[in-house]
N, C-alpha and C. Protein backbone atom coordinates (compact mmCIF):
# COMPACT_ATOMS: atom_id res chain seq x y z
N MET A 1 49.22 80.16 109.64
CA MET A 1 48.79 81.29 110.07
C MET A 1 48.09 81.16 111.21
N ALA A 2 48.58 82.02 112.00
CA ALA A 2 48.08 82.36 113.74
C ALA A 2 46.53 82.52 113.59
N GLY A 3 45.78 81.67 114.04
CA GLY A 3 44.41 81.83 114.28
C GLY A 3 43.71 81.78 112.63
N GLY A 4 44.26 81.30 111.82
CA GLY A 4 43.50 81.16 110.62
C GLY A 4 44.12 80.10 109.63
N GLN A 5 43.47 79.95 108.40
CA GLN A 5 44.12 79.04 107.28
C GLN A 5 45.10 79.53 106.61
N THR A 6 45.98 78.44 106.26
CA THR A 6 47.42 78.55 105.90
C THR A 6 46.80 79.02 104.20
N LEU A 7 47.86 79.94 103.73
CA LEU A 7 47.41 80.27 102.28
C LEU A 7 49.02 79.74 101.66
N ARG A 8 48.73 79.69 100.27
CA ARG A 8 49.39 79.76 99.25
C ARG A 8 49.02 80.50 97.98
N LEU A 9 49.38 81.51 97.94
CA LEU A 9 48.93 82.79 97.35
C LEU A 9 49.81 82.69 96.09
N LEU A 10 49.52 82.65 94.72
CA LEU A 10 50.44 82.86 93.52
C LEU A 10 49.83 83.94 92.68
N THR A 11 50.72 84.90 92.68
CA THR A 11 50.37 86.00 91.67
C THR A 11 51.38 85.92 90.10
N VAL A 12 50.59 86.24 89.29
CA VAL A 12 51.26 86.18 87.99
C VAL A 12 50.94 87.59 87.11
N GLY A 13 52.21 88.37 86.76
CA GLY A 13 51.75 89.50 85.84
C GLY A 13 53.21 90.24 85.35
N LYS A 14 53.32 90.42 84.45
CA LYS A 14 54.47 91.33 83.68
C LYS A 14 54.88 92.61 84.67
N SER A 15 56.15 93.04 84.35
CA SER A 15 56.58 94.17 84.91
C SER A 15 55.39 95.29 84.79
N GLY A 16 55.39 95.95 85.68
CA GLY A 16 54.54 96.93 85.61
C GLY A 16 52.98 96.63 85.39
N SER A 17 52.76 95.80 85.73
CA SER A 17 51.14 95.07 85.66
C SER A 17 50.48 95.42 86.97
N GLY A 18 50.87 95.77 88.03
CA GLY A 18 50.10 96.13 88.99
C GLY A 18 50.21 95.00 90.33
N LYS A 19 50.97 93.89 89.68
CA LYS A 19 51.13 92.70 90.77
C LYS A 19 52.09 92.84 92.00
N SER A 20 52.89 94.00 92.03
CA SER A 20 53.48 94.16 93.12
C SER A 20 52.58 95.24 94.20
N THR A 21 51.93 96.31 93.62
CA THR A 21 51.09 96.92 94.40
C THR A 21 50.47 96.14 94.88
N LEU A 22 49.41 95.28 94.34
CA LEU A 22 48.10 94.38 95.06
C LEU A 22 49.15 93.42 96.06
N ASN A 23 50.08 92.88 95.88
CA ASN A 23 50.82 92.00 96.71
C ASN A 23 51.32 92.73 97.97
N LYS A 24 51.75 93.74 97.79
CA LYS A 24 51.95 95.10 99.14
C LYS A 24 50.62 95.22 99.71
N ASP A 25 49.58 95.30 98.98
CA ASP A 25 48.00 95.53 99.90
C ASP A 25 47.90 94.21 100.56
N ILE A 26 48.35 93.16 100.16
CA ILE A 26 47.72 91.80 100.67
C ILE A 26 48.61 91.72 101.83
N LEU A 27 50.17 91.84 102.04
CA LEU A 27 50.63 91.93 102.99
C LEU A 27 50.50 92.64 104.04
N ARG A 28 49.91 93.90 103.87
CA ARG A 28 49.55 95.09 104.78
C ARG A 28 48.35 94.18 105.69
N ALA A 29 47.29 93.54 104.72
CA ALA A 29 45.82 92.86 105.06
C ALA A 29 46.31 91.94 105.98
N LEU A 30 47.39 91.22 105.94
CA LEU A 30 47.57 90.07 106.60
C LEU A 30 48.40 90.21 108.11
N ARG A 31 49.08 91.49 108.08
CA ARG A 31 49.85 91.89 109.60
C ARG A 31 49.01 91.40 110.78
N GLY A 32 49.89 90.74 111.47
CA GLY A 32 48.78 90.39 112.70
C GLY A 32 48.29 88.91 112.85
N ARG A 33 48.66 88.15 111.31
CA ARG A 33 48.00 86.66 111.46
C ARG A 33 49.23 85.77 111.03
N TYR A 34 50.59 86.36 111.22
CA TYR A 34 51.58 85.53 111.60
C TYR A 34 52.68 86.02 112.49
N ARG A 35 53.62 84.84 112.68
CA ARG A 35 54.52 85.51 113.93
C ARG A 35 55.82 85.56 113.39
N HIS A 36 56.05 85.19 112.12
CA HIS A 36 57.33 85.78 111.36
C HIS A 36 57.03 85.90 110.04
N LEU A 37 57.68 86.75 109.56
CA LEU A 37 57.68 87.10 108.00
C LEU A 37 58.99 87.11 107.68
N VAL A 38 59.29 86.32 106.42
CA VAL A 38 60.24 85.76 105.78
C VAL A 38 60.31 86.45 104.18
N ILE A 39 60.88 87.24 103.83
CA ILE A 39 60.62 87.84 102.17
C ILE A 39 62.19 87.84 101.49
N CYS A 40 61.66 86.96 100.39
CA CYS A 40 62.77 86.79 99.54
C CYS A 40 62.62 87.51 98.16
N ASN A 41 63.77 87.99 97.56
CA ASN A 41 63.52 88.59 96.25
C ASN A 41 64.86 88.90 95.43
N ILE A 42 64.96 88.91 94.33
CA ILE A 42 66.48 89.04 93.86
C ILE A 42 66.77 90.70 93.56
N LYS A 43 65.77 91.49 93.92
CA LYS A 43 65.73 92.97 94.11
C LYS A 43 65.47 93.49 95.54
N ARG A 44 65.65 94.80 95.70
CA ARG A 44 65.29 95.35 97.03
C ARG A 44 63.56 95.39 97.51
N GLU A 45 62.85 95.25 96.32
CA GLU A 45 61.47 95.44 96.37
C GLU A 45 60.79 94.85 97.29
N LEU A 46 60.07 95.27 98.36
CA LEU A 46 59.48 94.73 99.42
C LEU A 46 60.38 94.73 100.70
N SER A 47 61.37 95.22 100.52
CA SER A 47 62.38 95.32 102.15
C SER A 47 61.88 96.29 102.71
N GLU A 48 60.73 97.37 102.50
CA GLU A 48 60.42 97.88 103.36
C GLU A 48 59.42 97.62 104.46
N PHE A 49 58.89 96.27 104.17
CA PHE A 49 58.35 95.42 105.37
C PHE A 49 59.18 95.24 106.33
N VAL A 50 60.33 95.36 106.41
CA VAL A 50 61.47 94.77 107.30
C VAL A 50 62.33 95.82 107.85
N PRO A 51 62.77 95.96 108.99
CA PRO A 51 63.72 97.01 109.51
C PRO A 51 65.15 96.62 108.97
N PRO A 52 65.64 97.86 108.61
CA PRO A 52 67.07 97.73 108.17
C PRO A 52 68.01 96.65 108.72
N TRP A 53 67.87 96.40 109.88
CA TRP A 53 68.82 95.81 110.65
C TRP A 53 68.60 94.24 110.46
N ALA A 54 67.34 93.82 109.76
CA ALA A 54 67.08 92.40 109.58
C ALA A 54 67.28 92.44 108.21
N ARG A 55 67.81 92.78 107.11
CA ARG A 55 67.75 92.82 105.76
C ARG A 55 69.22 92.31 105.46
N PHE A 56 69.40 91.12 104.57
CA PHE A 56 70.80 90.30 104.44
C PHE A 56 70.80 90.12 102.80
N VAL A 57 72.01 90.23 102.33
CA VAL A 57 72.09 89.70 100.93
C VAL A 57 72.68 88.61 100.67
N VAL A 58 72.15 87.60 100.05
CA VAL A 58 72.91 86.41 99.73
C VAL A 58 73.45 86.28 98.64
N SER A 59 74.82 86.05 98.65
CA SER A 59 75.53 86.05 97.03
C SER A 59 75.99 84.79 96.89
N ASP A 60 76.14 84.00 97.89
CA ASP A 60 76.64 82.47 98.08
C ASP A 60 75.95 81.47 98.94
N GLY A 61 74.83 80.96 98.91
CA GLY A 61 73.95 80.20 99.43
C GLY A 61 74.72 78.89 99.98
N GLU A 62 75.49 78.55 99.35
CA GLU A 62 76.51 77.59 100.07
C GLU A 62 77.15 77.74 101.09
N ARG A 63 77.53 79.31 101.13
CA ARG A 63 78.46 79.34 102.85
C ARG A 63 77.38 79.93 103.64
N VAL A 64 76.03 79.79 103.49
CA VAL A 64 75.19 80.26 104.67
C VAL A 64 75.02 79.12 105.58
N ASP A 65 75.36 79.57 106.83
CA ASP A 65 75.30 78.72 107.85
C ASP A 65 73.63 78.37 108.64
N GLU A 66 73.16 76.83 108.10
CA GLU A 66 71.74 76.69 108.29
C GLU A 66 71.17 77.12 109.77
N GLU A 67 72.03 76.79 110.64
CA GLU A 67 71.77 77.02 112.11
C GLU A 67 71.58 78.46 112.28
N LYS A 68 72.61 79.36 111.76
CA LYS A 68 72.43 81.00 112.01
C LYS A 68 71.43 81.39 111.33
N LEU A 69 70.84 80.96 110.21
CA LEU A 69 69.91 81.45 109.26
C LEU A 69 68.61 81.27 110.41
N TYR A 70 68.37 80.02 110.95
CA TYR A 70 67.33 79.68 111.69
C TYR A 70 67.14 80.66 112.86
N ARG A 71 68.30 80.89 113.45
CA ARG A 71 68.22 81.76 114.67
C ARG A 71 68.09 83.47 114.27
N PHE A 72 68.56 83.74 113.03
CA PHE A 72 68.33 85.08 112.61
C PHE A 72 66.77 85.61 112.25
N ILE A 73 66.00 84.46 111.90
CA ILE A 73 64.73 84.82 111.65
C ILE A 73 63.83 84.53 112.77
N LYS A 74 64.20 83.58 113.66
CA LYS A 74 63.65 83.67 115.07
C LYS A 74 63.66 84.80 115.63
N ARG A 75 65.09 85.35 115.93
CA ARG A 75 65.19 86.46 116.49
C ARG A 75 64.77 87.82 116.11
N TYR A 76 64.76 87.92 114.93
CA TYR A 76 63.99 89.44 113.98
C TYR A 76 62.58 89.26 114.03
N ARG A 77 62.36 87.94 113.32
CA ARG A 77 60.99 87.82 113.27
C ARG A 77 60.31 88.50 111.77
N ARG A 78 60.77 89.42 111.75
CA ARG A 78 60.57 90.17 110.27
C ARG A 78 61.99 90.16 109.54
N VAL A 79 62.23 89.19 108.45
CA VAL A 79 63.61 89.53 107.50
C VAL A 79 63.49 89.70 106.35
N PHE A 80 64.26 90.04 105.44
CA PHE A 80 64.46 90.09 104.10
C PHE A 80 65.56 89.82 103.58
N PHE A 81 65.77 88.73 102.38
CA PHE A 81 66.81 88.21 101.90
C PHE A 81 67.12 88.79 100.56
N GLN A 82 67.74 89.65 100.10
CA GLN A 82 67.70 89.86 98.61
C GLN A 82 68.94 88.51 98.04
N VAL A 83 68.47 87.97 97.19
CA VAL A 83 69.28 86.64 96.86
C VAL A 83 69.60 86.96 95.53
N ILE A 84 70.82 87.36 95.70
CA ILE A 84 71.69 87.16 94.03
C ILE A 84 72.50 86.54 93.79
N ASP A 85 72.70 85.26 94.60
CA ASP A 85 73.50 84.12 93.97
C ASP A 85 72.82 83.57 92.80
N PRO A 86 73.56 83.47 91.66
CA PRO A 86 73.06 82.84 90.29
C PRO A 86 72.64 81.54 90.41
N LYS A 87 72.93 80.92 91.55
CA LYS A 87 72.36 79.57 91.75
C LYS A 87 71.85 79.35 93.11
N PRO A 88 70.46 79.87 93.29
CA PRO A 88 69.86 79.95 94.64
C PRO A 88 69.41 78.96 95.31
N GLN A 89 69.38 77.70 94.70
CA GLN A 89 68.89 76.34 95.00
C GLN A 89 69.47 76.14 96.38
N ALA A 90 70.78 76.60 96.81
CA ALA A 90 71.24 75.90 98.03
C ALA A 90 70.75 76.95 99.12
N PHE A 91 70.65 78.22 98.80
CA PHE A 91 70.04 79.13 100.22
C PHE A 91 68.12 78.61 100.13
N MET A 92 67.86 78.52 99.10
CA MET A 92 66.36 78.19 99.43
C MET A 92 66.04 76.93 99.62
N ASP A 93 66.97 75.92 99.74
CA ASP A 93 67.05 74.48 100.57
C ASP A 93 67.30 74.82 101.82
N LYS A 94 68.08 75.81 102.43
CA LYS A 94 68.39 75.53 103.61
C LYS A 94 67.25 76.59 104.26
N LEU A 95 66.83 77.61 103.66
CA LEU A 95 65.81 78.30 104.08
C LEU A 95 64.54 77.43 104.43
N GLY A 96 64.25 76.86 103.70
CA GLY A 96 62.86 75.88 103.74
C GLY A 96 62.90 75.09 104.92
N ARG A 97 64.34 74.44 105.19
CA ARG A 97 64.20 73.68 106.48
C ARG A 97 64.41 74.55 108.03
N ALA A 98 64.86 75.73 107.57
CA ALA A 98 64.77 76.83 108.98
C ALA A 98 63.49 77.29 109.10
N VAL A 99 62.59 77.31 108.03
CA VAL A 99 61.21 77.75 108.38
C VAL A 99 60.36 76.71 108.92
N MET A 100 60.79 75.28 108.45
CA MET A 100 60.30 74.06 109.12
C MET A 100 60.31 74.09 110.57
N ARG A 101 61.48 74.82 111.04
CA ARG A 101 61.50 74.55 112.53
C ARG A 101 60.71 75.59 113.22
N LEU A 102 59.75 76.51 112.75
CA LEU A 102 59.15 77.62 113.17
C LEU A 102 57.94 77.30 113.07
N ARG A 103 56.89 78.16 113.64
CA ARG A 103 55.40 78.08 113.50
C ARG A 103 54.82 79.55 113.13
N HIS A 104 53.95 79.29 112.38
CA HIS A 104 52.96 80.63 112.13
C HIS A 104 54.16 81.60 111.46
N VAL A 105 54.61 81.10 110.13
CA VAL A 105 55.42 81.97 109.28
C VAL A 105 54.62 82.16 107.90
N HIS A 106 54.88 83.70 107.48
CA HIS A 106 54.50 83.97 106.37
C HIS A 106 55.70 83.95 105.04
N VAL A 107 55.73 83.60 104.11
CA VAL A 107 56.69 83.45 103.39
C VAL A 107 56.46 84.02 102.14
N VAL A 108 57.30 85.22 101.85
CA VAL A 108 57.02 85.86 100.31
C VAL A 108 58.34 85.65 99.44
N VAL A 109 57.85 85.17 98.42
CA VAL A 109 59.07 84.92 97.20
C VAL A 109 58.50 85.74 96.11
N ASP A 110 59.27 86.62 95.69
CA ASP A 110 59.08 87.67 94.61
C ASP A 110 59.85 86.88 93.58
N GLU A 111 60.00 87.32 92.24
CA GLU A 111 60.57 87.02 91.11
C GLU A 111 60.92 85.39 91.46
N ALA A 112 59.87 84.87 91.49
CA ALA A 112 59.63 83.50 92.27
C ALA A 112 60.03 82.48 91.10
N HIS A 113 59.91 82.80 89.64
CA HIS A 113 60.34 81.73 88.32
C HIS A 113 61.87 81.93 88.59
N ASN A 114 62.77 82.86 89.23
CA ASN A 114 64.06 82.63 89.29
C ASN A 114 64.59 81.86 90.52
N LEU A 115 64.02 82.30 91.69
CA LEU A 115 64.27 81.77 92.68
C LEU A 115 63.68 80.01 93.30
N LEU A 116 62.73 79.86 92.31
CA LEU A 116 62.12 78.65 92.29
C LEU A 116 61.96 78.08 91.13
N GLU A 117 62.96 78.00 90.45
CA GLU A 117 62.65 77.35 89.25
C GLU A 117 62.38 75.86 88.87
N HIS A 118 61.72 75.31 88.02
CA HIS A 118 61.18 74.13 88.21
C HIS A 118 62.15 73.10 88.12
N GLY A 119 62.49 72.17 89.02
CA GLY A 119 63.46 70.96 89.10
C GLY A 119 64.68 71.52 89.84
N LYS A 120 64.78 73.08 90.36
CA LYS A 120 66.06 73.52 91.10
C LYS A 120 65.46 74.39 92.22
N GLU A 121 64.48 73.47 92.92
CA GLU A 121 63.77 74.54 93.83
C GLU A 121 64.60 74.61 95.27
N GLY A 122 65.31 73.26 95.55
CA GLY A 122 65.93 73.05 96.99
C GLY A 122 64.80 71.98 97.56
N ARG A 123 65.40 70.88 97.66
CA ARG A 123 64.22 69.93 98.64
C ARG A 123 63.49 70.23 99.72
N GLY A 124 64.28 71.28 100.67
CA GLY A 124 64.04 71.64 102.09
C GLY A 124 62.86 72.74 101.62
N PHE A 125 62.98 73.64 100.61
CA PHE A 125 61.91 74.30 100.72
C PHE A 125 60.53 73.94 99.93
N LEU A 126 60.69 72.89 99.21
CA LEU A 126 59.51 71.77 98.57
C LEU A 126 59.04 71.25 99.97
N MET A 127 59.52 70.75 100.76
CA MET A 127 59.25 70.23 102.19
C MET A 127 58.26 71.24 102.79
N ALA A 128 58.82 72.49 103.18
CA ALA A 128 58.17 73.48 103.57
C ALA A 128 56.97 73.96 102.85
N ILE A 129 56.68 74.07 101.67
CA ILE A 129 55.37 73.96 101.03
C ILE A 129 54.56 73.16 100.98
N THR A 130 55.17 71.83 100.91
CA THR A 130 54.16 70.30 100.52
C THR A 130 53.78 69.99 102.33
N GLY A 131 54.50 70.58 103.10
CA GLY A 131 54.47 69.83 104.43
C GLY A 131 54.02 70.82 105.64
N GLY A 132 54.15 72.16 105.29
CA GLY A 132 53.98 72.82 106.44
C GLY A 132 52.86 73.66 106.80
N ARG A 133 51.90 73.14 106.38
CA ARG A 133 50.39 73.66 106.66
C ARG A 133 50.17 73.22 108.22
N GLU A 134 50.67 72.01 108.84
CA GLU A 134 50.23 72.03 110.50
C GLU A 134 51.23 73.03 111.12
N GLN A 135 52.07 73.77 110.60
CA GLN A 135 52.92 74.33 111.51
C GLN A 135 52.40 75.98 111.31
N GLY A 136 51.33 75.71 110.35
CA GLY A 136 50.90 77.46 109.83
C GLY A 136 51.55 78.39 109.23
N ILE A 137 52.62 77.41 108.20
CA ILE A 137 53.17 78.25 107.33
C ILE A 137 52.58 78.33 106.01
N SER A 138 52.54 79.76 105.62
CA SER A 138 51.83 80.38 104.63
C SER A 138 52.63 80.67 103.65
N PHE A 139 52.46 81.14 102.43
CA PHE A 139 53.32 81.47 101.05
C PHE A 139 52.49 82.61 100.22
N GLN A 140 53.61 83.36 99.79
CA GLN A 140 52.95 84.32 98.65
C GLN A 140 54.07 84.34 97.66
N PHE A 141 53.58 83.77 96.46
CA PHE A 141 54.41 83.94 95.41
C PHE A 141 54.17 84.68 94.44
N ILE A 142 55.38 85.53 94.04
CA ILE A 142 55.03 86.44 92.98
C ILE A 142 55.87 86.15 91.66
N THR A 143 55.34 86.17 90.48
CA THR A 143 56.18 85.80 89.38
C THR A 143 55.76 86.38 88.26
N GLN A 144 56.57 86.50 87.08
CA GLN A 144 56.09 87.14 85.89
C GLN A 144 55.56 85.73 84.93
N SER A 145 55.98 84.55 85.28
CA SER A 145 55.55 83.35 84.34
C SER A 145 54.83 82.43 84.85
N VAL A 146 53.92 81.70 84.39
CA VAL A 146 53.62 80.11 85.15
C VAL A 146 53.81 79.30 83.96
N MET A 147 54.87 79.62 82.94
CA MET A 147 55.17 78.47 82.14
C MET A 147 55.61 77.23 82.63
N ALA A 148 55.62 75.96 82.30
CA ALA A 148 56.12 75.02 82.95
C ALA A 148 57.58 74.68 82.02
N GLY A 149 58.09 73.91 82.66
CA GLY A 149 59.51 73.21 81.85
C GLY A 149 60.65 74.17 82.21
N ALA A 150 61.90 73.69 81.77
CA ALA A 150 63.18 74.53 82.12
C ALA A 150 62.70 76.20 82.09
N GLY A 151 63.21 76.07 83.35
CA GLY A 151 63.63 77.92 83.16
C GLY A 151 61.95 78.56 83.80
N GLY A 152 60.94 77.44 83.83
CA GLY A 152 59.71 78.04 84.33
C GLY A 152 59.76 78.11 85.96
N LEU A 153 58.66 78.53 86.44
CA LEU A 153 58.56 78.42 87.97
C LEU A 153 58.05 76.69 88.06
N SER A 154 58.41 76.41 89.43
CA SER A 154 58.14 75.27 90.02
C SER A 154 56.66 74.85 89.91
N LYS A 155 56.54 73.49 89.33
CA LYS A 155 55.23 72.95 89.31
C LYS A 155 54.54 72.73 90.56
N VAL A 156 55.13 72.36 91.65
CA VAL A 156 54.93 72.14 92.83
C VAL A 156 54.48 73.55 93.66
N VAL A 157 55.32 74.31 93.14
CA VAL A 157 54.43 75.90 93.67
C VAL A 157 52.85 75.90 93.01
N GLN A 158 53.04 75.80 91.73
CA GLN A 158 51.76 75.79 90.93
C GLN A 158 50.48 74.92 91.33
N ARG A 159 50.75 73.77 91.79
CA ARG A 159 49.91 72.82 92.17
C ARG A 159 49.43 73.15 93.61
N GLN A 160 50.20 73.59 94.37
CA GLN A 160 50.02 73.72 95.75
C GLN A 160 49.25 75.17 96.24
N CYS A 161 49.12 75.89 95.09
CA CYS A 161 48.50 77.33 95.67
C CYS A 161 46.93 77.20 95.88
N THR A 162 46.73 78.01 96.85
CA THR A 162 45.05 78.03 97.12
C THR A 162 44.49 79.19 96.42
N HIS A 163 45.10 79.95 95.96
CA HIS A 163 44.65 81.13 95.50
C HIS A 163 45.48 81.50 94.06
N PHE A 164 45.10 81.58 93.07
CA PHE A 164 46.01 82.05 91.93
C PHE A 164 45.17 83.26 91.33
N ILE A 165 46.22 84.43 91.38
CA ILE A 165 45.78 85.50 90.75
C ILE A 165 46.47 85.96 89.49
N THR A 166 45.83 86.33 88.59
CA THR A 166 46.59 86.64 87.49
C THR A 166 46.40 88.14 86.77
N PHE A 167 47.11 88.73 86.22
CA PHE A 167 47.02 90.18 85.56
C PHE A 167 47.03 90.04 83.96
N ARG A 168 47.01 90.80 83.01
CA ARG A 168 46.89 90.54 81.62
C ARG A 168 48.33 89.71 81.24
N LEU A 169 47.99 88.31 80.29
CA LEU A 169 48.73 88.02 79.92
C LEU A 169 48.59 87.79 78.17
N THR A 170 49.53 87.88 77.38
CA THR A 170 49.02 88.10 75.72
C THR A 170 49.82 87.19 75.06
N ASP A 171 51.24 86.37 75.46
CA ASP A 171 51.87 85.80 74.97
C ASP A 171 50.90 84.09 74.75
N VAL A 172 51.10 83.95 73.67
CA VAL A 172 50.33 82.42 72.98
C VAL A 172 50.54 81.42 73.77
N ALA A 173 51.60 81.22 74.46
CA ALA A 173 51.97 79.89 75.31
C ALA A 173 51.32 80.49 76.69
N GLU A 174 51.63 81.57 77.06
CA GLU A 174 51.04 81.75 78.57
C GLU A 174 49.58 82.00 78.59
N VAL A 175 48.86 82.08 77.65
CA VAL A 175 47.28 82.09 77.51
C VAL A 175 46.98 80.68 77.23
N LYS A 176 48.08 80.05 76.78
CA LYS A 176 47.31 78.38 76.87
C LYS A 176 47.55 78.07 77.78
N ARG A 177 48.52 78.27 79.00
CA ARG A 177 48.68 77.62 80.23
C ARG A 177 47.62 78.22 81.22
N ILE A 178 47.40 79.57 81.11
CA ILE A 178 45.89 79.85 81.82
C ILE A 178 44.58 79.09 81.41
N LEU A 179 44.49 78.66 80.30
CA LEU A 179 43.88 77.98 80.05
C LEU A 179 43.51 76.43 80.91
N GLU A 180 44.69 76.16 81.00
CA GLU A 180 44.86 74.87 81.64
C GLU A 180 44.42 75.19 83.56
N MET A 181 44.88 76.27 83.72
CA MET A 181 44.90 76.47 85.41
C MET A 181 43.96 77.25 85.69
N PHE A 182 43.29 78.07 84.87
CA PHE A 182 42.11 79.00 84.93
C PHE A 182 41.24 79.03 83.81
N GLY A 183 40.28 77.58 83.54
CA GLY A 183 39.40 77.64 82.70
C GLY A 183 38.45 78.60 82.56
N GLU A 184 37.81 79.18 83.71
CA GLU A 184 36.78 80.09 83.74
C GLU A 184 37.07 81.68 83.26
N LEU A 185 38.66 81.72 83.28
CA LEU A 185 39.12 83.03 82.84
C LEU A 185 39.47 82.77 81.30
N GLY A 186 40.15 81.63 80.80
CA GLY A 186 40.65 81.30 79.66
C GLY A 186 41.34 82.55 78.80
N GLU A 187 40.82 82.66 77.62
CA GLU A 187 41.53 83.82 76.73
C GLU A 187 41.23 85.12 77.02
N GLY A 188 40.09 85.13 77.96
CA GLY A 188 39.92 86.45 78.74
C GLY A 188 40.91 87.08 79.15
N VAL A 189 42.17 86.33 79.65
CA VAL A 189 43.28 87.08 80.27
C VAL A 189 44.12 88.05 79.48
N ALA A 190 43.82 87.58 78.29
CA ALA A 190 44.64 88.56 77.30
C ALA A 190 43.69 90.12 76.88
N ARG A 191 42.55 90.17 77.79
CA ARG A 191 41.71 91.38 77.46
C ARG A 191 41.40 91.96 78.79
N LEU A 192 42.11 91.43 79.66
CA LEU A 192 42.38 92.26 80.95
C LEU A 192 42.97 93.66 80.58
N ALA A 193 42.42 94.73 81.02
CA ALA A 193 42.99 96.05 81.26
C ALA A 193 44.20 96.35 81.69
N ARG A 194 44.94 96.74 81.26
CA ARG A 194 46.31 97.33 82.02
C ARG A 194 46.62 98.79 82.16
N TYR A 195 46.99 99.08 83.32
CA TYR A 195 47.36 100.27 83.84
C TYR A 195 48.71 100.63 82.75
N ASN A 196 48.53 101.82 82.09
CA ASN A 196 49.60 102.30 81.37
C ASN A 196 49.10 103.68 81.01
N PRO A 197 49.96 104.42 81.69
CA PRO A 197 49.71 105.99 81.52
C PRO A 197 50.70 106.55 80.29
N GLN A 198 51.70 105.86 79.78
CA GLN A 198 52.13 106.59 79.10
C GLN A 198 51.47 106.21 77.78
N GLU A 199 50.60 105.43 77.60
CA GLU A 199 49.41 105.25 76.54
C GLU A 199 48.25 106.08 76.43
N GLY A 200 48.07 106.75 77.70
CA GLY A 200 46.89 107.69 78.08
C GLY A 200 45.93 106.60 78.54
N ASP A 201 46.32 105.77 79.72
CA ASP A 201 45.28 104.89 80.32
C ASP A 201 45.89 104.72 81.88
N PRO A 202 45.45 105.77 82.52
CA PRO A 202 45.83 105.95 83.96
C PRO A 202 45.12 105.39 85.07
N HIS A 203 44.17 104.27 84.45
CA HIS A 203 43.41 103.47 85.59
C HIS A 203 43.97 102.32 85.88
N PRO A 204 43.48 102.05 87.16
CA PRO A 204 44.19 100.57 87.71
C PRO A 204 44.01 99.38 86.88
N SER A 205 44.96 98.33 86.92
CA SER A 205 44.90 97.37 86.23
C SER A 205 43.83 95.96 86.48
N GLU A 206 43.42 95.33 85.65
CA GLU A 206 42.08 94.58 86.00
C GLU A 206 43.17 93.22 86.35
N TYR A 207 42.54 92.14 87.05
CA TYR A 207 43.10 90.99 87.41
C TYR A 207 41.96 90.10 87.70
N ALA A 208 42.31 88.76 87.86
CA ALA A 208 41.29 87.64 87.94
C ALA A 208 41.82 86.71 89.20
N VAL A 209 40.97 86.22 89.86
CA VAL A 209 41.40 85.49 91.03
C VAL A 209 40.59 84.06 91.08
N LYS A 210 41.48 83.00 91.10
CA LYS A 210 40.69 81.61 91.29
C LYS A 210 40.93 81.03 93.16
N HIS A 211 40.00 80.97 93.37
CA HIS A 211 40.07 80.20 94.75
C HIS A 211 40.01 78.69 94.67
N MET A 212 41.24 77.99 94.59
CA MET A 212 41.49 76.80 93.99
C MET A 212 40.75 75.77 94.96
N ASP A 213 40.77 76.12 96.40
CA ASP A 213 40.28 74.93 97.26
C ASP A 213 38.69 75.12 97.44
N ALA A 214 37.99 76.24 96.82
CA ALA A 214 36.82 76.40 96.87
C ALA A 214 35.89 76.26 95.41
N SER A 215 37.04 76.24 94.56
CA SER A 215 36.61 75.96 93.01
C SER A 215 35.64 77.10 92.78
N ARG A 216 36.25 78.57 93.11
CA ARG A 216 35.46 79.74 92.88
C ARG A 216 36.48 80.73 92.28
N ALA A 217 36.01 81.51 91.43
CA ALA A 217 36.57 82.44 90.65
C ALA A 217 35.79 83.55 90.28
N GLU A 218 36.78 85.01 90.11
CA GLU A 218 36.19 86.01 89.80
C GLU A 218 36.93 86.80 89.19
N VAL A 219 36.33 87.67 88.40
CA VAL A 219 37.18 88.61 87.89
C VAL A 219 37.08 90.20 88.42
N VAL A 220 38.34 90.82 88.58
CA VAL A 220 38.01 92.13 89.06
C VAL A 220 38.39 93.30 88.11
N ARG A 221 37.26 94.02 87.43
CA ARG A 221 37.23 94.92 86.70
C ARG A 221 37.05 96.28 86.98
N ARG A 222 37.23 97.16 86.18
CA ARG A 222 37.14 98.75 86.39
C ARG A 222 35.81 98.88 86.07
N ASP A 223 35.05 99.44 87.17
CA ASP A 223 33.60 100.27 87.29
C ASP A 223 33.26 100.80 85.87
N PRO A 224 32.33 100.28 85.29
CA PRO A 224 32.14 101.04 83.75
C PRO A 224 31.77 102.64 84.35
N ALA A 225 30.96 102.80 85.02
CA ALA A 225 30.58 104.21 85.66
C ALA A 225 31.83 105.21 86.49
N ASP A 226 32.79 104.21 86.95
CA ASP A 226 33.81 104.94 87.19
C ASP A 226 35.21 104.18 87.09
N PRO A 227 35.99 104.25 85.99
CA PRO A 227 36.96 103.54 85.75
C PRO A 227 38.00 103.38 86.59
N ALA A 228 38.12 104.35 87.43
CA ALA A 228 39.19 104.33 88.46
C ALA A 228 39.01 103.66 89.83
N ARG A 229 37.89 102.94 89.71
CA ARG A 229 37.49 102.06 90.91
C ARG A 229 37.42 100.79 90.40
N LEU A 230 37.51 99.85 91.07
CA LEU A 230 37.29 98.25 90.51
C LEU A 230 36.37 97.42 91.26
N ARG A 231 35.85 96.54 90.35
CA ARG A 231 34.46 95.72 91.23
C ARG A 231 34.93 94.43 90.86
N ALA A 232 34.60 93.60 91.65
CA ALA A 232 34.58 92.19 91.54
C ALA A 232 33.47 91.50 90.88
N TYR A 233 33.62 90.70 89.90
CA TYR A 233 32.41 90.05 89.32
C TYR A 233 32.53 88.36 89.47
N ARG A 234 31.66 87.61 89.52
CA ARG A 234 31.99 86.17 89.61
C ARG A 234 31.98 85.65 88.45
N LEU A 235 32.77 84.54 88.02
CA LEU A 235 32.93 83.75 86.76
C LEU A 235 32.40 82.62 86.76
N GLY A 236 31.79 81.91 85.77
CA GLY A 236 31.40 80.62 85.71
C GLY A 236 29.99 80.74 86.60
N SER A 237 29.62 79.41 86.84
CA SER A 237 28.46 79.14 87.57
C SER A 237 28.25 79.42 89.05
């Protein structure tokens, strides 16, 4: 990232949890800190950060020309790829290699458990994640699950993250995974309040953040005096 630390942000939360709203706020806060912005999603969400003429639908990654992909990113600087290919590995592989030819790139991958499934990530993209720090390549991953194994999010993504953000998770297996990744929060992940106006809860969702490089963790909770506002509290010692 131009003039700063390279980030690897990973946010997990179910649909409607507030993770998209938070990540949009993060993207706005990071403006001016990168030279190129690359956003990938299986939906159109987040395309508003990119002008209409720099949005591209990927239906067959095998047919994407890697050199043209690189030139497309270099020319437009802010690009959006809606990846509807049921086998996205080929495209993500080429995208990773194209990004590695640039400097100061911020890459956003929404629905990362679909586009970067464990064992099917694409070697080029893995190289960008693990080897792109010197070129100022940062990543922002958004996912509904951090479960390991077939169909789950890439373990490389999980190991490489510098900041891990989680919203409420209640599935027993997912809570167990949070215990492994975020011991300071542990089973407390199931007790985080969630925005749910349909059931009479109009207040913002709570979430927790672990700064992996600094071994620091905090939970962002509703202010008891004003539940419409959020306050950060340190976790652990």
